[in-house]
């Protein structure tokens, strides 16, 4: 099955955003409109933005393995809800969600703090989009609630738990008292036994509140701050003042290499991008021509303006080996320059590289 469109993919022409767009607690997804924009040759036509339409269709067509739900009858649901009668012990140094040790005491997912909510360096991928909390004792488990939408594809992930049997499960309870669940519990999914990351994709069958459970699986060694994500399989993130890790002299067409191949998820598409001037030495120049090249294509700002906006880059993959170039449009400055990237990209959420399992 293919990933469905789970986010509004029509973007405004703003170059810097304050927050990434995650599924909200009301489970609302904005509608989208599209217009046809060509991004085929990466040439400068003076336009710095476009809508995310056909250029991102490949993200929606990528195949992922999806988990099917395990059905539960009313007796099994009742047993689940009575399993933990009352609040379980937890330490004095608690996280913001405590006490959330039963399904009735589940904390809102969106109230849990982020590890990293935006891309600010090429070292942010491990925590990007993830929330963080901790299990406080051997008998502690954490519950969260999140509202999801039927027919959409979601990604569930638990990481930063070492080679343990800690697991994440997701439950839905129907009005008649029956329900179903998805899980990475090694008792049900042996493939996750002693794995550093537990994850799955699924298509939501119902619109409503789902319950997230995180448990140590009887494999307690010590308190750990785990990272977890429950949200759209296709996700948006902002890039904010990310260094490009090199310098150029503005007197000539000087370039340097910026390697972002391991900085973001494997499947990405840029929504918009800008490069802010940073002068390492020499005088500032207000007319820096700058460009980015990768995959045989070059994307530029509007020559002679010093504009930070990189034109016609929508749809290009962010995770490439980029060549960054800059020069003074009038050839009057020999300053040492480095660029900082801001903007937005869309990606398919996936396990951290090296943590994949074979189903």
Foldseek 3Di string as FASTA:
>chain_A
DWADDDAAQFDDLDFFDDFWDFQDQQADHDHYDADDDDLPFQDDPQDQAHTQDPLQVVQRGDDDDFDDWAWFFLVRLVCQQPVDPDFDDFDPPFDPQPPAQGQVSAAAPVVFDFPARAAAELPCAQRHQWGKGKAGDQNGKHKHKGWHAAFHKKKKKKAPPAQAQKKKKKWDADPVNITIMDMQRCVVVVLSHRFRMGMHMHGHHHTTMMMMMIHRNSGDDHMTIMIIDIGGQKTKHKYDQYWQPDKFWQLDFGKDKRANQQSYDNFKWFRWKFWDKDFPDWDDAQFKWKWKDFPHHIWTHDHRGSGRRTHSRTSPGPRTTIMITIHRSVSPGGTMITITMIGMMMGRDDHRPPRDTDD
